């Protein structure tokens, strides 16, 4: 790809990352949340595939992406089960006057970021999971040209050699 596209891709790293994090962290106050924020951040990976090609794509550690996806999913499930004493997905941090549980006064809410209880934490978990999952999909589509990433022959599934 041309040097202009490569330079623009490098320049857009910080704005795209910051916008994706903004959408994730403000999902309980404004339209957005973990899924659209994670998709925005995964678009950066696709942009780098287009700009830098296979030589950059081969440098991606797929293990970190698999770990990020698993960690996001596990964190989401853990947050869902922590409130199980009352109900599944109980917002146990709301109005607890702790981090993410700030009490807000009656009346118009001017957008207190720390007032959502476990909802911002769940948005972070979903954002991480969606970013990693969409990045894995992009890696598979870009590098493997539609082939399955792990074949039976590589993993010796079923005991065959």
N, C-alpha and C. Protein backbone atom coordinates (compact mmCIF):
# COMPACT_ATOMS: atom_id res chain seq x y z
N UNK A 1 0.85 -1.17 0.00
CA UNK A 1 0.00 0.00 0.00
C UNK A 1 0.89 1.24 0.00
N UNK A 2 0.33 2.34 -0.36
CA UNK A 2 1.12 3.57 -0.49
C UNK A 2 1.54 4.11 0.88
N UNK A 3 2.61 4.90 0.92
CA UNK A 3 3.06 5.48 2.19
C UNK A 3 2.01 6.40 2.82
N UNK A 4 1.16 7.01 2.01
CA UNK A 4 0.11 7.89 2.56
C UNK A 4 -0.87 7.07 3.39
N UNK A 5 -1.31 5.94 2.86
CA UNK A 5 -2.25 5.10 3.60
C UNK A 5 -1.61 4.57 4.88
N UNK A 6 -0.35 4.18 4.80
CA UNK A 6 0.35 3.69 6.00
C UNK A 6 0.47 4.78 7.06
N UNK A 7 0.83 5.98 6.65
CA UNK A 7 0.96 7.08 7.61
C UNK A 7 -0.38 7.48 8.22
N UNK A 8 -1.42 7.49 7.41
CA UNK A 8 -2.76 7.81 7.93
C UNK A 8 -3.19 6.74 8.93
N UNK A 9 -2.91 5.48 8.64
CA UNK A 9 -3.27 4.40 9.57
C UNK A 9 -2.56 4.57 10.91
N UNK A 10 -1.28 4.94 10.87
CA UNK A 10 -0.53 5.13 12.12
C UNK A 10 -1.07 6.34 12.88
N UNK A 11 -1.42 7.41 12.16
CA UNK A 11 -1.94 8.61 12.81
C UNK A 11 -3.30 8.33 13.46
N UNK A 12 -4.10 7.45 12.88
CA UNK A 12 -5.45 7.18 13.39
C UNK A 12 -5.47 6.21 14.57
N UNK A 13 -4.35 5.67 14.98
CA UNK A 13 -4.33 4.72 16.10
C UNK A 13 -4.92 5.35 17.36
N UNK A 14 -4.42 6.49 17.76
CA UNK A 14 -4.88 7.11 19.02
C UNK A 14 -6.33 7.58 18.92
N UNK A 15 -6.75 8.29 17.86
CA UNK A 15 -8.15 8.70 17.82
C UNK A 15 -9.14 7.54 17.80
N UNK A 16 -8.85 6.49 17.04
CA UNK A 16 -9.78 5.36 16.99
C UNK A 16 -9.83 4.65 18.33
N UNK A 17 -8.67 4.46 18.96
CA UNK A 17 -8.63 3.80 20.27
C UNK A 17 -9.38 4.63 21.31
N UNK A 18 -9.14 5.92 21.33
CA UNK A 18 -9.81 6.79 22.30
C UNK A 18 -11.32 6.82 22.08
N UNK A 19 -11.75 6.87 20.82
CA UNK A 19 -13.18 6.88 20.54
C UNK A 19 -13.82 5.56 20.95
N UNK A 20 -13.15 4.43 20.66
CA UNK A 20 -13.68 3.14 21.08
C UNK A 20 -13.79 3.03 22.60
N UNK A 21 -12.76 3.49 23.31
CA UNK A 21 -12.81 3.46 24.78
C UNK A 21 -13.89 4.39 25.31
N UNK A 22 -14.08 5.54 24.67
CA UNK A 22 -15.14 6.47 25.07
C UNK A 22 -16.51 5.81 24.93
N UNK A 23 -16.75 5.14 23.81
CA UNK A 23 -18.03 4.47 23.59
C UNK A 23 -18.24 3.36 24.62
N UNK A 24 -17.19 2.63 24.95
CA UNK A 24 -17.31 1.56 25.94
C UNK A 24 -17.60 2.12 27.32
N UNK A 25 -16.85 3.12 27.74
CA UNK A 25 -16.97 3.62 29.12
C UNK A 25 -18.21 4.47 29.36
N UNK A 26 -18.78 5.05 28.31
CA UNK A 26 -19.98 5.87 28.48
C UNK A 26 -21.23 5.15 28.01
N UNK A 27 -21.17 3.84 27.85
CA UNK A 27 -22.31 3.08 27.33
C UNK A 27 -23.52 3.09 28.22
N UNK A 28 -23.34 3.29 29.52
CA UNK A 28 -24.49 3.32 30.42
C UNK A 28 -25.11 4.71 30.51
N UNK A 29 -24.47 5.70 29.92
CA UNK A 29 -24.99 7.07 29.94
C UNK A 29 -25.48 7.54 28.59
N UNK A 30 -24.89 7.06 27.53
CA UNK A 30 -25.22 7.49 26.17
C UNK A 30 -25.39 6.25 25.30
N UNK A 31 -25.90 6.41 24.09
CA UNK A 31 -25.96 5.24 23.20
C UNK A 31 -24.55 4.70 22.94
N UNK A 32 -24.43 3.43 23.01
CA UNK A 32 -23.13 2.79 22.83
C UNK A 32 -23.00 1.64 23.81
N UNK A 33 -21.79 1.34 24.18
CA UNK A 33 -21.54 0.26 25.12
C UNK A 33 -20.39 -0.61 24.65
N UNK A 34 -20.35 -1.82 25.18
CA UNK A 34 -19.24 -2.71 24.91
C UNK A 34 -19.17 -3.20 23.48
N UNK A 35 -20.31 -3.56 22.90
CA UNK A 35 -20.27 -4.12 21.55
C UNK A 35 -19.84 -3.09 20.52
N UNK A 36 -20.49 -1.94 20.43
CA UNK A 36 -20.03 -0.99 19.40
C UNK A 36 -18.62 -0.46 19.66
N UNK A 37 -18.24 -0.27 20.92
CA UNK A 37 -16.89 0.19 21.23
C UNK A 37 -15.84 -0.84 20.84
N UNK A 38 -16.12 -2.12 21.11
CA UNK A 38 -15.20 -3.18 20.71
C UNK A 38 -15.10 -3.30 19.20
N UNK A 39 -16.22 -3.10 18.50
CA UNK A 39 -16.20 -3.16 17.04
C UNK A 39 -15.41 -1.99 16.46
N UNK A 40 -15.51 -0.83 17.06
CA UNK A 40 -14.74 0.34 16.61
C UNK A 40 -13.25 0.06 16.78
N UNK A 41 -12.88 -0.49 17.91
CA UNK A 41 -11.46 -0.78 18.15
C UNK A 41 -10.95 -1.90 17.24
N UNK A 42 -11.80 -2.87 16.92
CA UNK A 42 -11.39 -3.94 16.01
C UNK A 42 -11.22 -3.42 14.58
N UNK A 43 -11.92 -2.34 14.25
CA UNK A 43 -11.75 -1.76 12.92
C UNK A 43 -10.33 -1.24 12.73
N UNK A 44 -9.66 -0.90 13.81
CA UNK A 44 -8.27 -0.47 13.72
C UNK A 44 -7.37 -1.62 13.26
N UNK A 45 -7.66 -2.83 13.73
CA UNK A 45 -6.88 -4.00 13.31
C UNK A 45 -7.08 -4.23 11.81
N UNK A 46 -8.32 -4.11 11.35
CA UNK A 46 -8.60 -4.29 9.92
C UNK A 46 -7.91 -3.20 9.10
N UNK A 47 -7.92 -1.97 9.61
CA UNK A 47 -7.23 -0.87 8.93
C UNK A 47 -5.74 -1.18 8.77
N UNK A 48 -5.13 -1.74 9.80
CA UNK A 48 -3.71 -2.09 9.71
C UNK A 48 -3.48 -3.24 8.74
N UNK A 49 -4.41 -4.19 8.65
CA UNK A 49 -4.28 -5.25 7.65
C UNK A 49 -4.28 -4.67 6.25
N UNK A 50 -5.19 -3.74 6.00
CA UNK A 50 -5.28 -3.14 4.67
C UNK A 50 -4.03 -2.31 4.38
N UNK A 51 -3.56 -1.55 5.36
CA UNK A 51 -2.44 -0.64 5.13
C UNK A 51 -1.10 -1.36 5.02
N UNK A 52 -0.86 -2.34 5.89
CA UNK A 52 0.47 -2.95 5.97
C UNK A 52 0.56 -4.36 5.40
N UNK A 53 -0.56 -4.99 5.13
CA UNK A 53 -0.55 -6.29 4.47
C UNK A 53 -0.18 -7.46 5.37
N UNK A 54 0.18 -8.55 4.73
CA UNK A 54 0.41 -9.80 5.45
C UNK A 54 1.64 -9.76 6.35
N UNK A 55 2.64 -8.96 6.01
CA UNK A 55 3.83 -8.92 6.86
C UNK A 55 3.49 -8.40 8.26
N UNK A 56 2.56 -7.47 8.36
CA UNK A 56 2.13 -6.99 9.68
C UNK A 56 1.19 -7.98 10.32
N UNK A 57 0.32 -8.57 9.53
CA UNK A 57 -0.67 -9.50 10.07
C UNK A 57 -0.01 -10.75 10.66
N UNK A 58 1.12 -11.17 10.10
CA UNK A 58 1.80 -12.36 10.61
C UNK A 58 2.44 -12.11 11.97
N UNK A 59 2.65 -10.84 12.32
CA UNK A 59 3.28 -10.51 13.60
C UNK A 59 2.30 -10.53 14.76
N UNK A 60 1.00 -10.59 14.48
CA UNK A 60 0.00 -10.58 15.54
C UNK A 60 0.05 -11.89 16.31
N UNK A 61 0.10 -11.78 17.62
CA UNK A 61 0.08 -12.95 18.48
C UNK A 61 -1.37 -13.34 18.71
N UNK A 62 -1.80 -14.42 18.05
CA UNK A 62 -3.19 -14.85 18.19
C UNK A 62 -3.49 -15.35 19.60
N UNK A 63 -2.49 -15.79 20.31
CA UNK A 63 -2.70 -16.25 21.68
C UNK A 63 -3.19 -15.14 22.59
N UNK A 64 -2.67 -13.92 22.39
CA UNK A 64 -3.13 -12.79 23.19
C UNK A 64 -4.58 -12.47 22.87
N UNK A 65 -4.96 -12.57 21.59
CA UNK A 65 -6.34 -12.32 21.22
C UNK A 65 -7.27 -13.38 21.81
N UNK A 66 -6.85 -14.64 21.78
CA UNK A 66 -7.65 -15.70 22.39
C UNK A 66 -7.78 -15.49 23.90
N UNK A 67 -6.69 -15.07 24.54
CA UNK A 67 -6.74 -14.79 25.98
C UNK A 67 -7.68 -13.62 26.26
N UNK A 68 -7.60 -12.55 25.45
CA UNK A 68 -8.48 -11.39 25.65
C UNK A 68 -9.94 -11.75 25.50
N UNK A 69 -10.25 -12.58 24.52
CA UNK A 69 -11.62 -13.00 24.34
C UNK A 69 -12.10 -13.84 25.52
N UNK A 70 -11.29 -14.77 25.96
CA UNK A 70 -11.66 -15.63 27.08
C UNK A 70 -11.77 -14.83 28.38
N UNK A 71 -10.85 -13.90 28.59
CA UNK A 71 -10.88 -13.09 29.81
C UNK A 71 -12.11 -12.19 29.84
N UNK A 72 -12.46 -11.58 28.72
CA UNK A 72 -13.65 -10.74 28.66
C UNK A 72 -14.91 -11.54 28.96
N UNK A 73 -15.01 -12.73 28.38
CA UNK A 73 -16.17 -13.58 28.62
C UNK A 73 -16.22 -14.05 30.07
N UNK A 74 -15.08 -14.43 30.63
CA UNK A 74 -15.05 -14.87 32.02
C UNK A 74 -15.38 -13.73 32.98
N UNK A 75 -14.89 -12.53 32.71
CA UNK A 75 -15.21 -11.38 33.55
C UNK A 75 -16.69 -11.06 33.51
N UNK A 76 -17.29 -11.13 32.33
CA UNK A 76 -18.73 -10.88 32.20
C UNK A 76 -19.52 -11.90 33.02
N UNK A 77 -19.16 -13.18 32.89
CA UNK A 77 -19.84 -14.22 33.65
C UNK A 77 -19.64 -14.07 35.15
N UNK A 78 -18.44 -13.71 35.56
CA UNK A 78 -18.16 -13.50 36.98
C UNK A 78 -19.01 -12.37 37.54
N UNK A 79 -19.11 -11.27 36.82
CA UNK A 79 -19.94 -10.15 37.28
C UNK A 79 -21.40 -10.54 37.36
N UNK A 80 -21.85 -11.40 36.45
CA UNK A 80 -23.24 -11.85 36.48
C UNK A 80 -23.50 -12.72 37.71
N UNK A 81 -22.53 -13.55 38.08
CA UNK A 81 -22.73 -14.46 39.21
C UNK A 81 -22.47 -13.81 40.56
N UNK A 82 -21.72 -12.70 40.62
CA UNK A 82 -21.43 -12.08 41.91
C UNK A 82 -22.67 -11.54 42.60
N UNK A 83 -23.67 -11.16 41.85
CA UNK A 83 -24.90 -10.67 42.47
C UNK A 83 -25.94 -11.74 42.68
N UNK A 84 -25.54 -13.01 42.58
CA UNK A 84 -26.49 -14.11 42.62
C UNK A 84 -27.22 -14.25 43.96
N UNK A 85 -26.68 -13.65 45.03
CA UNK A 85 -27.38 -13.70 46.31
C UNK A 85 -28.78 -13.10 46.22
N UNK A 86 -28.94 -12.11 45.37
CA UNK A 86 -30.25 -11.48 45.17
C UNK A 86 -30.89 -12.01 43.89
N UNK A 87 -30.22 -11.82 42.79
CA UNK A 87 -30.68 -12.34 41.51
C UNK A 87 -29.50 -12.35 40.54
N UNK A 88 -29.66 -13.10 39.47
CA UNK A 88 -28.63 -13.15 38.43
C UNK A 88 -28.52 -11.76 37.82
N UNK A 89 -27.31 -11.26 37.61
CA UNK A 89 -27.03 -9.92 37.10
C UNK A 89 -27.48 -8.82 38.06
N UNK A 90 -27.58 -9.10 39.34
CA UNK A 90 -27.96 -8.06 40.30
C UNK A 90 -26.86 -7.00 40.34
N UNK A 91 -27.26 -5.74 40.31
CA UNK A 91 -26.31 -4.62 40.30
C UNK A 91 -25.89 -4.34 41.75
N UNK A 92 -24.97 -5.15 42.27
CA UNK A 92 -24.60 -5.08 43.67
C UNK A 92 -23.76 -3.85 44.01
N UNK A 93 -23.20 -3.16 43.04
CA UNK A 93 -22.40 -1.97 43.31
C UNK A 93 -23.21 -0.68 43.30
N UNK A 94 -24.43 -0.72 42.78
CA UNK A 94 -25.24 0.50 42.67
C UNK A 94 -25.53 1.08 44.05
N UNK A 95 -25.34 2.38 44.20
CA UNK A 95 -25.57 3.12 45.45
C UNK A 95 -24.79 2.58 46.64
N UNK A 96 -23.63 2.01 46.39
CA UNK A 96 -22.80 1.49 47.47
C UNK A 96 -21.77 2.51 47.93
N UNK A 97 -21.73 3.68 47.29
CA UNK A 97 -20.77 4.74 47.58
C UNK A 97 -19.32 4.27 47.44
N UNK A 98 -19.11 3.30 46.57
CA UNK A 98 -17.75 2.85 46.24
C UNK A 98 -17.49 3.19 44.78
N UNK A 99 -16.33 2.80 44.29
CA UNK A 99 -16.03 3.02 42.88
C UNK A 99 -17.10 2.35 42.03
N UNK A 100 -17.63 3.03 41.07
CA UNK A 100 -18.73 2.61 40.19
C UNK A 100 -20.07 2.58 40.91
N UNK A 101 -20.14 2.88 42.19
CA UNK A 101 -21.40 2.82 42.92
C UNK A 101 -21.78 4.14 43.56
N UNK A 102 -21.31 5.25 42.99
CA UNK A 102 -21.56 6.56 43.56
C UNK A 102 -23.07 6.85 43.58
N UNK A 103 -23.57 7.32 44.70
CA UNK A 103 -24.97 7.72 44.79
C UNK A 103 -25.15 9.05 44.08
N UNK A 104 -26.23 9.18 43.37
CA UNK A 104 -26.50 10.42 42.66
C UNK A 104 -27.74 11.08 43.25
N UNK A 105 -27.77 12.41 43.25
CA UNK A 105 -28.93 13.10 43.82
C UNK A 105 -30.15 12.94 42.93
N UNK A 106 -31.33 13.19 43.53
CA UNK A 106 -32.56 13.14 42.75
C UNK A 106 -32.57 14.29 41.75
N UNK A 107 -33.28 14.10 40.67
CA UNK A 107 -33.36 15.13 39.64
C UNK A 107 -32.62 14.71 38.40
N UNK A 108 -32.33 15.68 37.57
CA UNK A 108 -31.66 15.40 36.31
C UNK A 108 -30.25 14.87 36.56
N UNK A 109 -29.91 13.79 35.90
CA UNK A 109 -28.57 13.21 36.02
C UNK A 109 -27.69 13.87 34.96
N UNK A 110 -26.68 14.57 35.44
CA UNK A 110 -25.81 15.27 34.50
C UNK A 110 -24.72 14.37 33.93
N UNK A 111 -24.82 13.08 34.07
CA UNK A 111 -23.88 12.15 33.46
C UNK A 111 -22.74 11.75 34.37
N UNK A 112 -23.05 11.32 35.58
CA UNK A 112 -22.01 10.83 36.47
C UNK A 112 -21.49 9.50 35.95
N UNK A 113 -20.21 9.48 35.60
CA UNK A 113 -19.63 8.28 34.99
C UNK A 113 -19.58 7.11 35.97
N UNK A 114 -19.41 7.37 37.24
CA UNK A 114 -19.21 6.30 38.22
C UNK A 114 -20.50 5.87 38.89
N UNK A 115 -21.64 6.14 38.30
CA UNK A 115 -22.92 5.84 38.95
C UNK A 115 -23.59 4.59 38.41
N UNK A 116 -22.97 3.83 37.54
CA UNK A 116 -23.64 2.73 36.87
C UNK A 116 -23.55 1.39 37.57
N UNK A 117 -22.83 1.30 38.69
CA UNK A 117 -22.69 0.01 39.35
C UNK A 117 -21.83 -0.94 38.51
N UNK A 118 -22.36 -2.14 38.24
CA UNK A 118 -21.57 -3.11 37.47
C UNK A 118 -21.74 -2.94 35.97
N UNK A 119 -22.63 -2.06 35.54
CA UNK A 119 -22.87 -1.90 34.11
C UNK A 119 -21.62 -1.43 33.36
N UNK A 120 -20.86 -0.41 33.84
CA UNK A 120 -19.63 -0.06 33.13
C UNK A 120 -18.60 -1.20 33.10
N UNK A 121 -18.55 -1.97 34.18
CA UNK A 121 -17.63 -3.11 34.21
C UNK A 121 -18.04 -4.16 33.18
N UNK A 122 -19.33 -4.37 33.05
CA UNK A 122 -19.80 -5.32 32.03
C UNK A 122 -19.54 -4.78 30.63
N UNK A 123 -19.68 -3.48 30.44
CA UNK A 123 -19.35 -2.90 29.13
C UNK A 123 -17.88 -3.09 28.80
N UNK A 124 -17.01 -2.95 29.80
CA UNK A 124 -15.58 -3.17 29.58
C UNK A 124 -15.32 -4.62 29.19
N UNK A 125 -15.96 -5.55 29.89
CA UNK A 125 -15.79 -6.97 29.58
C UNK A 125 -16.29 -7.29 28.18
N UNK A 126 -17.46 -6.78 27.82
CA UNK A 126 -18.00 -7.04 26.49
C UNK A 126 -17.14 -6.38 25.42
N UNK A 127 -16.65 -5.16 25.69
CA UNK A 127 -15.78 -4.48 24.73
C UNK A 127 -14.51 -5.26 24.47
N UNK A 128 -13.90 -5.79 25.51
CA UNK A 128 -12.69 -6.59 25.34
C UNK A 128 -12.98 -7.86 24.55
N UNK A 129 -14.09 -8.51 24.87
CA UNK A 129 -14.44 -9.76 24.20
C UNK A 129 -14.74 -9.51 22.72
N UNK A 130 -15.51 -8.47 22.42
CA UNK A 130 -15.87 -8.17 21.03
C UNK A 130 -14.64 -7.74 20.23
N UNK A 131 -13.78 -6.90 20.83
CA UNK A 131 -12.55 -6.49 20.15
C UNK A 131 -11.71 -7.70 19.79
N UNK A 132 -11.50 -8.59 20.76
CA UNK A 132 -10.66 -9.76 20.51
C UNK A 132 -11.31 -10.71 19.50
N UNK A 133 -12.62 -10.94 19.63
CA UNK A 133 -13.29 -11.88 18.74
C UNK A 133 -13.29 -11.37 17.30
N UNK A 134 -13.62 -10.09 17.10
CA UNK A 134 -13.62 -9.55 15.74
C UNK A 134 -12.20 -9.49 15.16
N UNK A 135 -11.22 -9.24 16.02
CA UNK A 135 -9.83 -9.25 15.55
C UNK A 135 -9.40 -10.66 15.13
N UNK A 136 -9.82 -11.67 15.89
CA UNK A 136 -9.52 -13.06 15.52
C UNK A 136 -10.17 -13.40 14.18
N UNK A 137 -11.41 -12.99 14.00
CA UNK A 137 -12.11 -13.25 12.74
C UNK A 137 -11.36 -12.57 11.59
N UNK A 138 -10.92 -11.33 11.81
CA UNK A 138 -10.19 -10.62 10.76
C UNK A 138 -8.86 -11.31 10.45
N UNK A 139 -8.16 -11.78 11.48
CA UNK A 139 -6.89 -12.48 11.26
C UNK A 139 -7.12 -13.75 10.44
N UNK A 140 -8.13 -14.51 10.82
CA UNK A 140 -8.41 -15.76 10.10
C UNK A 140 -8.77 -15.47 8.65
N UNK A 141 -9.63 -14.48 8.44
CA UNK A 141 -10.04 -14.15 7.08
C UNK A 141 -8.87 -13.62 6.25
N UNK A 142 -8.01 -12.85 6.86
CA UNK A 142 -6.92 -12.22 6.11
C UNK A 142 -5.77 -13.18 5.85
N UNK A 143 -5.37 -13.94 6.85
CA UNK A 143 -4.19 -14.81 6.69
C UNK A 143 -4.52 -16.16 6.09
N UNK A 144 -5.65 -16.69 6.45
CA UNK A 144 -5.93 -18.08 6.07
C UNK A 144 -6.72 -18.19 4.78
N UNK A 145 -7.18 -17.08 4.23
CA UNK A 145 -7.93 -17.07 2.97
C UNK A 145 -9.11 -18.04 2.98
N UNK A 146 -9.82 -18.08 4.11
CA UNK A 146 -11.01 -18.92 4.20
C UNK A 146 -10.75 -20.31 4.71
N UNK A 147 -9.48 -20.73 4.89
CA UNK A 147 -9.20 -22.06 5.42
C UNK A 147 -9.43 -22.04 6.93
N UNK A 148 -9.68 -23.20 7.50
CA UNK A 148 -9.83 -23.31 8.94
C UNK A 148 -8.46 -23.09 9.58
N UNK A 149 -8.42 -22.29 10.66
CA UNK A 149 -7.14 -21.91 11.23
C UNK A 149 -6.42 -23.11 11.85
N UNK A 150 -7.14 -23.97 12.53
CA UNK A 150 -6.53 -25.14 13.14
C UNK A 150 -7.18 -26.37 12.53
N UNK A 151 -6.45 -27.09 11.72
CA UNK A 151 -7.02 -28.26 11.07
C UNK A 151 -6.87 -29.48 11.98
N UNK A 152 -7.59 -30.54 11.62
CA UNK A 152 -7.50 -31.78 12.39
C UNK A 152 -6.09 -32.34 12.37
N UNK A 153 -5.42 -32.20 11.24
CA UNK A 153 -4.08 -32.75 11.10
C UNK A 153 -3.10 -32.08 12.06
N UNK A 154 -3.23 -30.73 12.22
CA UNK A 154 -2.31 -30.02 13.11
C UNK A 154 -2.55 -30.38 14.57
N UNK A 155 -3.80 -30.52 14.97
CA UNK A 155 -4.12 -30.76 16.37
C UNK A 155 -4.23 -32.22 16.73
N UNK A 156 -4.15 -33.12 15.75
CA UNK A 156 -4.27 -34.53 15.98
C UNK A 156 -5.58 -34.87 16.70
N UNK A 157 -6.68 -34.30 16.19
CA UNK A 157 -7.99 -34.53 16.78
C UNK A 157 -8.43 -35.95 16.44
N UNK A 158 -8.92 -36.66 17.42
CA UNK A 158 -9.42 -38.02 17.21
C UNK A 158 -8.36 -39.07 17.22
N UNK A 159 -7.12 -38.73 17.55
CA UNK A 159 -6.05 -39.71 17.66
C UNK A 159 -5.47 -40.16 16.33
N UNK A 160 -5.87 -39.53 15.24
CA UNK A 160 -5.33 -39.92 13.92
C UNK A 160 -3.98 -39.24 13.70
N UNK A 161 -3.13 -39.90 12.95
CA UNK A 161 -1.82 -39.32 12.62
C UNK A 161 -1.70 -39.12 11.14
